[in-house]
Amino acid sequence: MVVVVFRNLLRFLQRRHGERIYPPAGADGTRTNYGSPLTTTAAYRCPDKQNDINSRALYDSRHHHGDAMDWSSSSSDTIWTSIKNAAKYNYACVEPLAQSTNDHVHADWRGICPTGW
């Protein structure tokens, strides 16, 4: 039952505005380049969920656009850097460690990255 619901959600998200929005382009390549499974801690969020998490980031967050992923880095600087490098190799914008924490890597595929990303 859960698998069917998840597949239907994926189909819905993939049809949104006629574009494929989940998983973001580059997400599979990031995992491949990292070389082992990654634990996803955040992906697409509907605007209501994003607002529950942080109303200030409602329009700034790439998660509700469907082109962002967060992966656990187990609070390890070494793992964080390895995941960041794998994502950057797949043309991701990666939130700098100085603007985040080392417990996760935020990557998105918005196109043009903010300065320093």
N, C-alpha and C. Protein backbone atom coordinates (compact mmCIF):
# COMPACT_ATOMS: atom_id res chain seq x y z
N MET A 1 0.83 -1.20 0.00
CA MET A 1 0.00 0.00 0.00
C MET A 1 0.87 1.26 0.00
N VAL A 2 1.85 1.32 0.87
CA VAL A 2 2.72 2.49 0.96
C VAL A 2 3.47 2.70 -0.36
N VAL A 3 3.94 1.61 -0.96
CA VAL A 3 4.67 1.70 -2.22
C VAL A 3 3.79 2.28 -3.31
N VAL A 4 2.53 1.85 -3.37
CA VAL A 4 1.61 2.35 -4.39
C VAL A 4 1.36 3.84 -4.19
N VAL A 5 1.15 4.27 -2.95
CA VAL A 5 0.93 5.68 -2.67
C VAL A 5 2.16 6.49 -3.06
N PHE A 6 3.35 5.99 -2.73
CA PHE A 6 4.59 6.68 -3.06
C PHE A 6 4.76 6.79 -4.58
N ARG A 7 4.48 5.71 -5.30
CA ARG A 7 4.57 5.75 -6.76
C ARG A 7 3.60 6.76 -7.35
N ASN A 8 2.37 6.80 -6.80
CA ASN A 8 1.39 7.76 -7.28
C ASN A 8 1.83 9.19 -7.00
N LEU A 9 2.44 9.42 -5.84
CA LEU A 9 2.95 10.74 -5.52
C LEU A 9 4.07 11.12 -6.49
N LEU A 10 4.95 10.19 -6.78
CA LEU A 10 6.02 10.47 -7.73
C LEU A 10 5.46 10.82 -9.10
N ARG A 11 4.46 10.07 -9.54
CA ARG A 11 3.85 10.36 -10.85
C ARG A 11 3.22 11.75 -10.84
N PHE A 12 2.54 12.09 -9.74
CA PHE A 12 1.95 13.42 -9.64
C PHE A 12 3.03 14.50 -9.72
N LEU A 13 4.08 14.34 -8.95
CA LEU A 13 5.15 15.33 -8.93
C LEU A 13 5.85 15.43 -10.29
N GLN A 14 6.00 14.30 -10.96
CA GLN A 14 6.66 14.31 -12.26
C GLN A 14 5.80 14.99 -13.33
N ARG A 15 4.49 14.99 -13.14
CA ARG A 15 3.60 15.61 -14.13
C ARG A 15 3.36 17.10 -13.84
N ARG A 16 3.76 17.58 -12.69
CA ARG A 16 3.50 18.97 -12.30
C ARG A 16 4.08 19.92 -13.35
N HIS A 17 3.23 20.69 -13.95
CA HIS A 17 3.61 21.65 -14.99
C HIS A 17 4.33 20.99 -16.15
N GLY A 18 4.12 19.71 -16.36
CA GLY A 18 4.72 19.01 -17.48
C GLY A 18 6.22 18.81 -17.36
N GLU A 19 6.76 18.98 -16.15
CA GLU A 19 8.19 18.81 -15.99
C GLU A 19 8.47 17.75 -14.93
N ARG A 20 9.64 17.18 -14.98
CA ARG A 20 10.04 16.19 -13.99
C ARG A 20 10.71 16.93 -12.85
N ILE A 21 10.08 16.91 -11.66
CA ILE A 21 10.66 17.65 -10.57
C ILE A 21 11.19 16.78 -9.44
N TYR A 22 10.96 15.47 -9.50
CA TYR A 22 11.46 14.62 -8.43
C TYR A 22 11.85 13.27 -9.00
N PRO A 23 12.99 12.72 -8.68
CA PRO A 23 14.04 13.39 -7.91
C PRO A 23 14.71 14.46 -8.75
N PRO A 24 15.33 15.43 -8.10
CA PRO A 24 15.99 16.49 -8.86
C PRO A 24 17.07 15.92 -9.78
N ALA A 25 17.24 16.59 -10.89
CA ALA A 25 18.32 16.19 -11.80
C ALA A 25 19.63 16.23 -11.04
N GLY A 26 20.41 15.20 -11.16
CA GLY A 26 21.69 15.16 -10.48
C GLY A 26 21.68 14.38 -9.18
N ALA A 27 20.51 14.12 -8.61
CA ALA A 27 20.45 13.42 -7.32
C ALA A 27 20.98 11.99 -7.45
N ASP A 28 20.56 11.29 -8.49
CA ASP A 28 21.05 9.92 -8.68
C ASP A 28 22.54 9.91 -8.97
N GLY A 29 22.99 10.86 -9.78
CA GLY A 29 24.42 10.95 -10.07
C GLY A 29 25.25 11.27 -8.84
N THR A 30 24.68 12.06 -7.94
CA THR A 30 25.39 12.38 -6.70
C THR A 30 25.62 11.11 -5.89
N ARG A 31 24.58 10.29 -5.77
CA ARG A 31 24.73 9.05 -5.02
C ARG A 31 25.75 8.13 -5.70
N THR A 32 25.69 8.07 -7.02
CA THR A 32 26.64 7.24 -7.76
C THR A 32 28.07 7.73 -7.54
N ASN A 33 28.28 9.03 -7.66
CA ASN A 33 29.62 9.58 -7.47
C ASN A 33 30.11 9.46 -6.03
N TYR A 34 29.19 9.51 -5.08
CA TYR A 34 29.58 9.34 -3.67
C TYR A 34 30.07 7.92 -3.44
N GLY A 35 29.47 6.97 -4.13
CA GLY A 35 29.96 5.60 -4.09
C GLY A 35 29.29 4.68 -3.09
N SER A 36 28.35 5.18 -2.33
CA SER A 36 27.60 4.34 -1.41
C SER A 36 26.25 5.01 -1.14
N PRO A 37 25.32 4.29 -0.54
CA PRO A 37 23.99 4.87 -0.31
C PRO A 37 24.06 6.14 0.55
N LEU A 38 23.16 7.05 0.26
CA LEU A 38 23.03 8.28 1.03
C LEU A 38 21.69 8.27 1.75
N THR A 39 21.66 8.82 2.95
CA THR A 39 20.41 8.94 3.70
C THR A 39 19.80 10.30 3.40
N THR A 40 18.65 10.30 2.75
CA THR A 40 17.95 11.54 2.42
C THR A 40 17.19 12.00 3.65
N THR A 41 17.44 13.24 4.06
CA THR A 41 16.74 13.79 5.22
C THR A 41 15.67 14.80 4.83
N ALA A 42 15.73 15.31 3.60
CA ALA A 42 14.69 16.22 3.11
C ALA A 42 14.72 16.23 1.59
N ALA A 43 13.54 16.39 1.02
CA ALA A 43 13.42 16.50 -0.44
C ALA A 43 12.28 17.47 -0.71
N TYR A 44 11.35 17.12 -1.60
CA TYR A 44 10.23 18.01 -1.88
C TYR A 44 9.41 18.25 -0.62
N ARG A 45 9.03 19.50 -0.40
CA ARG A 45 8.11 19.86 0.68
C ARG A 45 7.01 20.73 0.08
N CYS A 46 5.77 20.39 0.39
CA CYS A 46 4.68 21.25 -0.04
C CYS A 46 4.81 22.59 0.71
N PRO A 47 4.26 23.66 0.18
CA PRO A 47 4.39 24.96 0.85
C PRO A 47 3.90 24.96 2.30
N ASP A 48 2.84 24.21 2.61
CA ASP A 48 2.36 24.16 3.99
C ASP A 48 3.40 23.56 4.92
N LYS A 49 4.05 22.48 4.50
CA LYS A 49 5.09 21.86 5.32
C LYS A 49 6.29 22.79 5.46
N GLN A 50 6.67 23.43 4.36
CA GLN A 50 7.80 24.36 4.43
C GLN A 50 7.48 25.50 5.40
N ASN A 51 6.25 25.98 5.38
CA ASN A 51 5.84 27.04 6.29
C ASN A 51 5.89 26.58 7.74
N ASP A 52 5.51 25.33 7.99
CA ASP A 52 5.58 24.77 9.35
C ASP A 52 7.03 24.75 9.85
N ILE A 53 7.95 24.45 8.94
CA ILE A 53 9.36 24.34 9.33
C ILE A 53 9.97 25.72 9.53
N ASN A 54 9.73 26.62 8.58
CA ASN A 54 10.35 27.93 8.64
C ASN A 54 9.59 28.87 7.72
N SER A 55 8.71 29.67 8.30
CA SER A 55 7.89 30.55 7.47
C SER A 55 8.74 31.57 6.71
N ARG A 56 9.89 31.96 7.27
CA ARG A 56 10.76 32.93 6.62
C ARG A 56 11.32 32.36 5.32
N ALA A 57 11.50 31.05 5.27
CA ALA A 57 12.10 30.42 4.09
C ALA A 57 11.07 29.90 3.10
N LEU A 58 9.79 30.23 3.31
CA LEU A 58 8.75 29.68 2.45
C LEU A 58 9.02 29.93 0.97
N TYR A 59 9.42 31.13 0.61
CA TYR A 59 9.64 31.42 -0.80
C TYR A 59 11.10 31.31 -1.22
N ASP A 60 11.98 31.22 -0.24
CA ASP A 60 13.40 31.09 -0.55
C ASP A 60 13.84 29.64 -0.67
N SER A 61 13.13 28.74 -0.02
CA SER A 61 13.55 27.34 0.00
C SER A 61 13.37 26.68 -1.36
N ARG A 62 14.37 25.94 -1.79
CA ARG A 62 14.27 25.20 -3.04
C ARG A 62 13.50 23.89 -2.84
N HIS A 63 13.26 23.49 -1.60
CA HIS A 63 12.55 22.24 -1.35
C HIS A 63 11.13 22.29 -1.90
N HIS A 64 10.44 23.40 -1.77
CA HIS A 64 9.07 23.43 -2.28
C HIS A 64 9.03 23.62 -3.79
N HIS A 65 10.17 23.87 -4.40
CA HIS A 65 10.25 23.89 -5.87
C HIS A 65 10.54 22.48 -6.41
N GLY A 66 10.95 21.58 -5.51
CA GLY A 66 11.19 20.20 -5.92
C GLY A 66 12.56 19.95 -6.51
N ASP A 67 13.47 20.90 -6.38
CA ASP A 67 14.80 20.69 -6.96
C ASP A 67 15.90 20.66 -5.90
N ALA A 68 15.54 20.35 -4.66
CA ALA A 68 16.53 20.32 -3.58
C ALA A 68 16.48 18.99 -2.82
N MET A 69 17.63 18.60 -2.32
CA MET A 69 17.75 17.40 -1.49
C MET A 69 18.67 17.74 -0.32
N ASP A 70 18.39 17.16 0.83
CA ASP A 70 19.31 17.19 1.96
C ASP A 70 19.72 15.75 2.25
N TRP A 71 21.01 15.55 2.46
CA TRP A 71 21.52 14.23 2.81
C TRP A 71 22.25 14.29 4.13
N SER A 72 22.09 13.27 4.94
CA SER A 72 22.79 13.21 6.23
C SER A 72 24.28 13.05 6.01
N SER A 73 25.03 13.82 6.79
CA SER A 73 26.49 13.68 6.75
C SER A 73 27.02 13.22 8.10
N SER A 74 26.13 12.78 8.97
CA SER A 74 26.49 12.19 10.28
C SER A 74 27.41 13.11 11.09
N SER A 75 27.23 14.42 10.95
CA SER A 75 28.04 15.41 11.68
C SER A 75 29.54 15.21 11.50
N SER A 76 29.92 14.74 10.34
CA SER A 76 31.33 14.50 10.02
C SER A 76 31.75 15.46 8.92
N ASP A 77 32.78 16.26 9.17
CA ASP A 77 33.28 17.18 8.15
C ASP A 77 33.78 16.43 6.92
N THR A 78 34.39 15.28 7.13
CA THR A 78 34.91 14.48 6.01
C THR A 78 33.78 13.98 5.13
N ILE A 79 32.74 13.43 5.74
CA ILE A 79 31.59 12.94 4.97
C ILE A 79 30.88 14.12 4.30
N TRP A 80 30.73 15.22 5.01
CA TRP A 80 30.08 16.41 4.45
C TRP A 80 30.80 16.84 3.17
N THR A 81 32.12 16.91 3.24
CA THR A 81 32.91 17.33 2.08
C THR A 81 32.79 16.34 0.93
N SER A 82 32.78 15.06 1.23
CA SER A 82 32.65 14.04 0.17
C SER A 82 31.30 14.12 -0.54
N ILE A 83 30.22 14.31 0.23
CA ILE A 83 28.89 14.45 -0.37
C ILE A 83 28.82 15.74 -1.18
N LYS A 84 29.35 16.83 -0.62
CA LYS A 84 29.37 18.11 -1.34
C LYS A 84 30.07 17.96 -2.68
N ASN A 85 31.23 17.32 -2.68
CA ASN A 85 31.99 17.15 -3.92
C ASN A 85 31.22 16.31 -4.93
N ALA A 86 30.55 15.27 -4.46
CA ALA A 86 29.76 14.42 -5.36
C ALA A 86 28.61 15.21 -5.97
N ALA A 87 27.96 16.06 -5.17
CA ALA A 87 26.85 16.87 -5.67
C ALA A 87 27.35 17.94 -6.65
N LYS A 88 28.45 18.61 -6.31
CA LYS A 88 29.01 19.64 -7.19
C LYS A 88 29.43 19.04 -8.53
N TYR A 89 29.93 17.80 -8.51
CA TYR A 89 30.30 17.12 -9.75
C TYR A 89 29.08 16.96 -10.66
N ASN A 90 27.90 16.92 -10.04
CA ASN A 90 26.64 16.81 -10.79
C ASN A 90 25.92 18.15 -10.91
N TYR A 91 26.71 19.22 -10.90
CA TYR A 91 26.23 20.57 -11.17
C TYR A 91 25.24 21.11 -10.15
N ALA A 92 25.35 20.68 -8.90
CA ALA A 92 24.46 21.18 -7.85
C ALA A 92 24.99 22.47 -7.25
N CYS A 93 24.07 23.26 -6.75
CA CYS A 93 24.41 24.36 -5.86
C CYS A 93 24.41 23.74 -4.46
N VAL A 94 25.49 23.91 -3.73
CA VAL A 94 25.58 23.31 -2.39
C VAL A 94 25.72 24.43 -1.37
N GLU A 95 24.80 24.41 -0.40
CA GLU A 95 24.84 25.41 0.66
C GLU A 95 26.16 25.30 1.42
N PRO A 96 26.88 26.40 1.57
CA PRO A 96 28.18 26.35 2.26
C PRO A 96 28.02 25.91 3.71
N LEU A 97 29.01 25.21 4.18
CA LEU A 97 29.00 24.72 5.56
C LEU A 97 28.84 25.88 6.54
N ALA A 98 29.41 27.03 6.25
CA ALA A 98 29.32 28.19 7.13
C ALA A 98 27.88 28.69 7.29
N GLN A 99 26.99 28.37 6.33
CA GLN A 99 25.59 28.80 6.40
C GLN A 99 24.68 27.70 6.90
N SER A 100 25.24 26.55 7.24
CA SER A 100 24.46 25.40 7.61
C SER A 100 25.09 24.74 8.83
N THR A 101 24.97 23.43 8.91
CA THR A 101 25.67 22.64 9.93
C THR A 101 26.24 21.42 9.23
N ASN A 102 27.14 20.73 9.91
CA ASN A 102 27.74 19.55 9.26
C ASN A 102 26.91 18.29 9.47
N ASP A 103 25.65 18.41 9.90
CA ASP A 103 24.82 17.21 10.04
C ASP A 103 24.10 16.85 8.75
N HIS A 104 24.11 17.77 7.77
CA HIS A 104 23.48 17.47 6.48
C HIS A 104 24.12 18.32 5.39
N VAL A 105 23.98 17.85 4.16
CA VAL A 105 24.40 18.60 2.98
C VAL A 105 23.13 18.98 2.23
N HIS A 106 22.96 20.28 1.98
CA HIS A 106 21.84 20.74 1.19
C HIS A 106 22.36 20.99 -0.22
N ALA A 107 21.74 20.34 -1.21
CA ALA A 107 22.10 20.55 -2.61
C ALA A 107 20.83 20.83 -3.39
N ASP A 108 20.94 21.71 -4.36
CA ASP A 108 19.79 21.95 -5.23
C ASP A 108 20.28 22.22 -6.64
N TRP A 109 19.36 22.08 -7.55
CA TRP A 109 19.66 22.23 -8.97
C TRP A 109 18.81 23.36 -9.54
N ARG A 110 19.02 24.56 -9.03
CA ARG A 110 18.24 25.75 -9.44
C ARG A 110 18.74 26.35 -10.74
N GLY A 111 19.93 25.99 -11.14
CA GLY A 111 20.51 26.56 -12.36
C GLY A 111 21.68 27.47 -12.03
N ILE A 112 21.40 28.71 -11.70
CA ILE A 112 22.46 29.65 -11.34
C ILE A 112 22.57 29.68 -9.82
N CYS A 113 23.75 29.34 -9.32
CA CYS A 113 23.96 29.25 -7.87
C CYS A 113 24.22 30.62 -7.26
N PRO A 114 23.79 30.81 -6.01
CA PRO A 114 24.15 32.04 -5.30
C PRO A 114 25.67 32.14 -5.17
N THR A 115 26.16 33.32 -5.02
CA THR A 115 27.60 33.54 -4.85
C THR A 115 28.10 32.74 -3.66
N GLY A 116 29.19 32.04 -3.85
CA GLY A 116 29.79 31.25 -2.78
C GLY A 116 29.27 29.83 -2.64
N TRP A 117 28.27 29.50 -3.44
CA TRP A 117 27.72 28.15 -3.39
C TRP A 117 28.42 27.30 -4.43
